[in-house]
């Protein structure tokens, strides 16, 4: 489970999403740019 919590301009929110990490290897660097499109996240 991936959870993102945000606080900005006096408001708070969170998002939970199931996340499969299949295919991630031991040399995966979370600081590197992903090789797949990540798109945009929209909020309601």
N, C-alpha and C. Protein backbone atom coordinates (compact mmCIF):
# COMPACT_ATOMS: atom_id res chain seq x y z
N UNK A 1 0.86 -1.17 0.00
CA UNK A 1 0.00 0.00 0.00
C UNK A 1 0.90 1.23 0.00
N UNK A 2 0.58 2.16 -0.86
CA UNK A 2 1.30 3.44 -0.94
C UNK A 2 0.39 4.50 -0.36
N UNK A 3 0.90 5.28 0.58
CA UNK A 3 0.11 6.36 1.18
C UNK A 3 0.86 7.67 1.01
N UNK A 4 0.14 8.68 0.52
CA UNK A 4 0.70 10.02 0.36
C UNK A 4 -0.13 10.96 1.23
N UNK A 5 0.55 11.69 2.09
CA UNK A 5 -0.13 12.67 2.94
C UNK A 5 0.40 14.05 2.59
N UNK A 6 -0.51 15.02 2.46
CA UNK A 6 -0.14 16.36 2.03
C UNK A 6 -0.77 17.39 2.96
N UNK A 7 -0.01 18.45 3.25
CA UNK A 7 -0.55 19.59 3.98
C UNK A 7 -0.09 20.84 3.26
N UNK A 8 -1.04 21.68 2.87
CA UNK A 8 -0.72 22.92 2.16
C UNK A 8 -1.81 23.95 2.39
N UNK A 9 -1.40 25.17 2.58
CA UNK A 9 -2.34 26.29 2.77
C UNK A 9 -3.40 26.00 3.82
N UNK A 10 -2.99 25.36 4.89
CA UNK A 10 -3.91 25.10 6.00
C UNK A 10 -4.85 23.93 5.79
N UNK A 11 -4.70 23.20 4.71
CA UNK A 11 -5.55 22.04 4.45
C UNK A 11 -4.70 20.78 4.42
N UNK A 12 -5.32 19.66 4.77
CA UNK A 12 -4.63 18.38 4.78
C UNK A 12 -5.41 17.37 3.97
N UNK A 13 -4.70 16.41 3.43
CA UNK A 13 -5.36 15.33 2.70
C UNK A 13 -4.44 14.13 2.58
N UNK A 14 -5.00 13.01 2.21
CA UNK A 14 -4.20 11.81 2.02
C UNK A 14 -4.81 10.95 0.93
N UNK A 15 -3.97 10.13 0.35
CA UNK A 15 -4.36 9.24 -0.72
C UNK A 15 -3.71 7.89 -0.48
N UNK A 16 -4.46 6.82 -0.60
CA UNK A 16 -3.92 5.48 -0.49
C UNK A 16 -4.16 4.76 -1.81
N UNK A 17 -3.16 4.02 -2.26
CA UNK A 17 -3.25 3.30 -3.52
C UNK A 17 -2.47 2.00 -3.41
N UNK A 18 -3.08 0.91 -3.88
CA UNK A 18 -2.33 -0.35 -3.92
C UNK A 18 -1.22 -0.20 -4.95
N UNK A 19 -0.07 -0.74 -4.65
CA UNK A 19 1.10 -0.56 -5.50
C UNK A 19 1.84 -1.88 -5.59
N UNK A 20 2.03 -2.37 -6.82
CA UNK A 20 2.79 -3.59 -7.03
C UNK A 20 4.19 -3.21 -7.49
N UNK A 21 5.18 -3.68 -6.79
CA UNK A 21 6.57 -3.37 -7.11
C UNK A 21 7.24 -4.51 -7.87
N UNK A 22 6.45 -5.38 -8.50
CA UNK A 22 7.02 -6.46 -9.29
C UNK A 22 7.92 -5.88 -10.38
N UNK A 23 9.05 -6.46 -10.58
CA UNK A 23 9.95 -5.99 -11.61
C UNK A 23 11.00 -5.01 -11.11
N UNK A 24 10.83 -4.47 -9.91
CA UNK A 24 11.85 -3.59 -9.36
C UNK A 24 13.03 -4.46 -8.93
N UNK A 25 14.21 -4.05 -9.29
CA UNK A 25 15.40 -4.83 -8.98
C UNK A 25 16.17 -4.25 -7.81
N UNK A 26 17.23 -4.95 -7.40
CA UNK A 26 18.02 -4.50 -6.25
C UNK A 26 18.78 -3.19 -6.52
N UNK A 27 19.00 -2.82 -7.78
CA UNK A 27 19.71 -1.59 -8.09
C UNK A 27 18.77 -0.44 -8.45
N UNK A 28 17.51 -0.57 -8.12
CA UNK A 28 16.52 0.47 -8.40
C UNK A 28 16.84 1.70 -7.55
N UNK A 29 16.93 2.87 -8.18
CA UNK A 29 17.25 4.11 -7.49
C UNK A 29 16.00 4.99 -7.47
N UNK A 30 15.38 5.23 -6.31
CA UNK A 30 14.17 6.04 -6.26
C UNK A 30 14.39 7.49 -6.63
N UNK A 31 15.65 7.92 -6.71
CA UNK A 31 15.95 9.31 -7.08
C UNK A 31 16.10 9.50 -8.58
N UNK A 32 16.13 8.41 -9.35
CA UNK A 32 16.29 8.53 -10.79
C UNK A 32 14.93 8.72 -11.47
N UNK A 33 14.95 9.34 -12.64
CA UNK A 33 13.73 9.58 -13.41
C UNK A 33 13.18 8.23 -13.90
N UNK A 34 11.87 7.98 -13.77
CA UNK A 34 11.31 6.71 -14.24
C UNK A 34 11.37 6.59 -15.77
N UNK A 35 11.44 5.36 -16.25
CA UNK A 35 11.51 5.12 -17.69
C UNK A 35 10.12 4.96 -18.30
N UNK A 36 9.07 5.20 -17.51
CA UNK A 36 7.70 5.08 -17.98
C UNK A 36 6.97 6.40 -17.72
N UNK A 37 5.92 6.69 -18.47
CA UNK A 37 5.19 7.95 -18.25
C UNK A 37 4.45 7.92 -16.91
N UNK A 38 4.56 8.99 -16.15
CA UNK A 38 3.90 9.01 -14.84
C UNK A 38 2.59 9.79 -14.85
N UNK A 39 2.36 10.58 -15.90
CA UNK A 39 1.09 11.30 -16.01
C UNK A 39 0.93 12.37 -14.96
N UNK A 40 -0.27 12.87 -14.85
CA UNK A 40 -0.57 13.91 -13.86
C UNK A 40 -1.59 13.38 -12.88
N UNK A 41 -1.48 13.84 -11.67
CA UNK A 41 -2.45 13.48 -10.63
C UNK A 41 -3.41 14.65 -10.50
N UNK A 42 -4.69 14.35 -10.54
CA UNK A 42 -5.70 15.40 -10.35
C UNK A 42 -6.46 15.14 -9.07
N UNK A 43 -6.89 16.18 -8.43
CA UNK A 43 -7.65 16.06 -7.20
C UNK A 43 -9.02 16.65 -7.39
N UNK A 44 -9.92 16.24 -6.57
CA UNK A 44 -11.29 16.75 -6.63
C UNK A 44 -11.51 17.78 -5.55
